[in-house]
């Protein structure tokens, strides 16, 4: 079975395909950006426990006066929100 379309139908279909391609390209870029963000978040989530453990180990090896100074720095940098998030 052979389907024959005229030039006007072809032009209409071709324009639709072009606009769809532009939309899909924009969406691809957005999805790529979101994927990069998710990968960066995952890497950060994996690094945080090790960083905390290393900090804790280093912290315990400090003198008491140095421990207090470090805690003051940490407390000054911490932001506590009304919903309880830190």
C-alpha atoms as a PDB file:
ATOM      1  CA  UNK A   1       0.000   0.000   0.000  1.00  0.00           C
ATOM      2  CA  UNK A   2       1.440   3.374  -1.005  1.00  0.00           C
ATOM      3  CA  UNK A   3       0.298   6.623   0.571  1.00  0.00           C
ATOM      4  CA  UNK A   4       0.748   9.752  -1.462  1.00  0.00           C
ATOM      5  CA  UNK A   5       0.640  13.175   0.161  1.00  0.00           C
ATOM      6  CA  UNK A   6       0.715  16.534  -1.519  1.00  0.00           C
ATOM      7  CA  UNK A   7       3.262  19.297  -0.940  1.00  0.00           C
ATOM      8  CA  UNK A   8       1.029  21.176   1.506  1.00  0.00           C
ATOM      9  CA  UNK A   9       0.545  18.085   3.691  1.00  0.00           C
ATOM     10  CA  UNK A  10       4.268  17.370   3.563  1.00  0.00           C
ATOM     11  CA  UNK A  11       5.113  20.945   4.592  1.00  0.00           C
ATOM     12  CA  UNK A  12       2.651  20.786   7.471  1.00  0.00           C
ATOM     13  CA  UNK A  13       4.073  17.466   8.729  1.00  0.00           C
ATOM     14  CA  UNK A  14       7.632  18.727   8.319  1.00  0.00           C
ATOM     15  CA  UNK A  15       6.917  21.887  10.355  1.00  0.00           C
ATOM     16  CA  UNK A  16       5.366  19.806  13.115  1.00  0.00           C
ATOM     17  CA  UNK A  17       8.444  17.575  13.198  1.00  0.00           C
ATOM     18  CA  UNK A  18      10.759  20.614  13.369  1.00  0.00           C
ATOM     19  CA  UNK A  19       8.872  22.187  16.266  1.00  0.00           C
ATOM     20  CA  UNK A  20       8.795  18.867  18.093  1.00  0.00           C
ATOM     21  CA  UNK A  21      12.553  18.483  17.581  1.00  0.00           C
ATOM     22  CA  UNK A  22      13.202  21.903  19.130  1.00  0.00           C
ATOM     23  CA  UNK A  23      10.985  21.076  22.110  1.00  0.00           C
ATOM     24  CA  UNK A  24      12.670  17.714  22.605  1.00  0.00           C
ATOM     25  CA  UNK A  25      16.131  19.277  22.390  1.00  0.00           C
ATOM     26  CA  UNK A  26      15.217  21.825  25.069  1.00  0.00           C
ATOM     27  CA  UNK A  27      13.799  19.043  27.249  1.00  0.00           C
ATOM     28  CA  UNK A  28      16.939  16.938  26.706  1.00  0.00           C
ATOM     29  CA  UNK A  29      19.104  19.802  27.947  1.00  0.00           C
ATOM     30  CA  UNK A  30      16.888  20.250  31.018  1.00  0.00           C
ATOM     31  CA  UNK A  31      16.969  16.527  31.820  1.00  0.00           C
ATOM     32  CA  UNK A  32      20.735  16.518  31.369  1.00  0.00           C
ATOM     33  CA  UNK A  33      21.045  19.439  33.803  1.00  0.00           C
ATOM     34  CA  UNK A  34      18.811  17.684  36.345  1.00  0.00           C
ATOM     35  CA  UNK A  35      20.846  14.496  35.999  1.00  0.00           C
ATOM     36  CA  UNK A  36      24.065  16.395  36.667  1.00  0.00           C
ATOM     37  CA  UNK A  37      22.501  17.961  39.759  1.00  0.00           C
ATOM     38  CA  UNK A  38      21.320  14.571  41.006  1.00  0.00           C
ATOM     39  CA  UNK A  39      24.763  13.052  40.491  1.00  0.00           C
ATOM     40  CA  UNK A  40      26.402  15.926  42.370  1.00  0.00           C
ATOM     41  CA  UNK A  41      23.902  15.515  45.222  1.00  0.00           C
ATOM     42  CA  UNK A  42      24.542  11.790  45.368  1.00  0.00           C
ATOM     43  CA  UNK A  43      28.294  12.339  45.524  1.00  0.00           C
ATOM     44  CA  UNK A  44      27.840  14.866  48.323  1.00  0.00           C
ATOM     45  CA  UNK A  45      25.564  12.512  50.254  1.00  0.00           C
ATOM     46  CA  UNK A  46      28.212   9.798  49.985  1.00  0.00           C
ATOM     47  CA  UNK A  47      31.012  12.145  51.161  1.00  0.00           C
ATOM     48  CA  UNK A  48      29.260  13.679  54.181  1.00  0.00           C
ATOM     49  CA  UNK A  49      29.413  10.665  56.540  1.00  0.00           C
ATOM     50  CA  UNK A  50      33.141  10.206  55.864  1.00  0.00           C
ATOM     51  CA  UNK A  51      33.771  13.916  56.391  1.00  0.00           C
ATOM     52  CA  UNK A  52      31.891  13.840  59.688  1.00  0.00           C
ATOM     53  CA  UNK A  53      33.797  10.786  60.865  1.00  0.00           C
ATOM     54  CA  UNK A  54      37.129  12.358  59.909  1.00  0.00           C
ATOM     55  CA  UNK A  55      36.158  15.594  61.669  1.00  0.00           C
ATOM     56  CA  UNK A  56      35.114  13.672  64.762  1.00  0.00           C
ATOM     57  CA  UNK A  57      38.386  11.724  64.855  1.00  0.00           C
ATOM     58  CA  UNK A  58      40.441  14.894  64.378  1.00  0.00           C
ATOM     59  CA  UNK A  59      38.320  16.760  66.919  1.00  0.00           C
ATOM     60  CA  UNK A  60      38.943  14.206  69.662  1.00  0.00           C
ATOM     61  CA  UNK A  61      42.693  14.527  69.182  1.00  0.00           C
ATOM     62  CA  UNK A  62      42.612  18.290  69.929  1.00  0.00           C
ATOM     63  CA  UNK A  63      43.186  19.932  73.307  1.00  0.00           C
ATOM     64  CA  UNK A  64      40.061  21.070  75.145  1.00  0.00           C
ATOM     65  CA  UNK A  65      40.730  24.751  74.367  1.00  0.00           C
ATOM     66  CA  UNK A  66      41.049  23.980  70.648  1.00  0.00           C
ATOM     67  CA  UNK A  67      37.886  21.861  70.765  1.00  0.00           C
ATOM     68  CA  UNK A  68      35.929  24.805  72.186  1.00  0.00           C
ATOM     69  CA  UNK A  69      37.275  27.136  69.496  1.00  0.00           C
ATOM     70  CA  UNK A  70      36.265  24.661  66.776  1.00  0.00           C
ATOM     71  CA  UNK A  71      32.789  24.270  68.255  1.00  0.00           C
ATOM     72  CA  UNK A  72      32.312  28.043  68.325  1.00  0.00           C
ATOM     73  CA  UNK A  73      33.202  28.201  64.626  1.00  0.00           C
ATOM     74  CA  UNK A  74      30.743  25.414  63.829  1.00  0.00           C
ATOM     75  CA  UNK A  75      27.954  27.019  65.874  1.00  0.00           C
ATOM     76  CA  UNK A  76      28.471  30.408  64.212  1.00  0.00           C
ATOM     77  CA  UNK A  77      28.191  28.785  60.770  1.00  0.00           C
ATOM     78  CA  UNK A  78      25.085  26.735  61.605  1.00  0.00           C
ATOM     79  CA  UNK A  79      21.671  28.061  60.630  1.00  0.00           C
ATOM     80  CA  UNK A  80      18.655  26.652  62.436  1.00  0.00           C
ATOM     81  CA  UNK A  81      15.322  27.228  60.727  1.00  0.00           C
ATOM     82  CA  UNK A  82      11.907  27.469  62.356  1.00  0.00           C
ATOM     83  CA  UNK A  83      10.912  24.054  61.010  1.00  0.00           C
ATOM     84  CA  UNK A  84      13.851  22.475  62.868  1.00  0.00           C
ATOM     85  CA  UNK A  85      16.167  22.006  59.897  1.00  0.00           C
ATOM     86  CA  UNK A  86      19.816  22.830  60.405  1.00  0.00           C
END
